[in-house]
Amino acid sequence: MKINKNSSREIVLRAVKQDGLALEYASYELKADRKVVLAAVKQNGDALKYAANELKADPELKKYLKF
């Protein structure tokens, strides 16, 4: 599923649940949306690198990182 900066929250949520790395193409607003980012990192922990800076230090989100 292709998304871009104009995609709705619902579409982005659906996309990141299939491929967490799709978060890269979401709008900044959605990269700062904790629910969207959580869905993305649950699918692929590496998606955290595309989250808004204020979410990158979130302990719950960081637990999905691959080391």
Protein backbone atom coordinates (compact mmCIF):
# COMPACT_ATOMS: atom_id res chain seq x y z
CA MET A 1 0.00 0.00 0.00
CA LYS A 2 1.50 3.31 -1.06
CA ILE A 3 1.17 6.31 1.20
CA ASN A 4 2.37 9.89 1.07
CA LYS A 5 2.31 13.02 3.21
CA ASN A 6 -1.34 13.61 2.25
CA SER A 7 -2.59 10.16 3.25
CA SER A 8 -5.20 10.00 5.99
CA ARG A 9 -4.51 8.58 9.43
CA GLU A 10 -6.67 5.55 8.68
CA ILE A 11 -4.77 4.75 5.48
CA VAL A 12 -1.38 5.23 7.17
CA LEU A 13 -2.40 3.00 10.08
CA ARG A 14 -3.44 0.27 7.65
CA ALA A 15 -0.17 0.63 5.74
CA VAL A 16 2.16 0.55 8.75
CA LYS A 17 0.42 -2.52 10.11
CA GLN A 18 1.45 -4.28 6.88
CA ASP A 19 4.88 -2.66 6.60
CA GLY A 20 6.15 -0.60 9.51
CA LEU A 21 8.77 1.08 7.35
CA ALA A 22 5.96 2.80 5.42
CA LEU A 23 6.05 5.30 8.29
CA GLU A 24 8.88 6.99 6.38
CA TYR A 25 6.36 8.40 3.88
CA ALA A 26 3.76 9.62 6.38
CA SER A 27 3.26 13.27 7.27
CA TYR A 28 5.19 14.69 10.22
CA GLU A 29 1.90 14.92 12.12
CA LEU A 30 1.38 11.17 11.78
CA LYS A 31 5.03 10.43 12.60
CA ALA A 32 4.27 12.19 15.90
CA ASP A 33 1.06 10.20 16.45
CA ARG A 34 1.87 7.64 19.13
CA LYS A 35 -0.77 5.15 17.95
CA VAL A 36 0.52 5.22 14.38
CA VAL A 37 4.14 4.87 15.48
CA LEU A 38 3.29 2.05 17.89
CA ALA A 39 1.57 0.13 15.08
CA ALA A 40 4.61 0.68 12.86
CA VAL A 41 7.20 -0.45 15.40
CA LYS A 42 5.15 -3.48 16.39
CA GLN A 43 5.36 -4.56 12.76
CA ASN A 44 9.02 -3.56 12.34
CA GLY A 45 11.09 -2.12 15.18
CA ASP A 46 13.34 -0.34 12.71
CA ALA A 47 10.43 1.99 11.90
CA LEU A 48 11.24 3.96 15.05
CA LYS A 49 13.92 5.81 13.09
CA TYR A 50 11.12 7.51 11.09
CA ALA A 51 9.13 8.60 14.17
CA ALA A 52 9.07 12.18 15.38
CA ASN A 53 11.98 12.98 17.69
CA GLU A 54 9.73 13.32 20.73
CA LEU A 55 8.67 9.66 20.37
CA LYS A 56 12.09 8.14 19.72
CA ALA A 57 12.93 8.06 23.44
CA ASP A 58 9.58 6.53 24.48
CA PRO A 59 10.44 3.39 26.51
CA GLU A 60 7.41 1.44 25.27
CA LEU A 61 8.31 2.13 21.64
CA LYS A 62 12.02 1.44 22.16
CA LYS A 63 11.33 -2.09 23.38
CA TYR A 64 10.49 -3.06 19.79
CA LEU A 65 13.93 -2.05 18.51
CA LYS A 66 16.07 -4.83 17.11
CA PHE A 67 19.57 -4.90 18.54
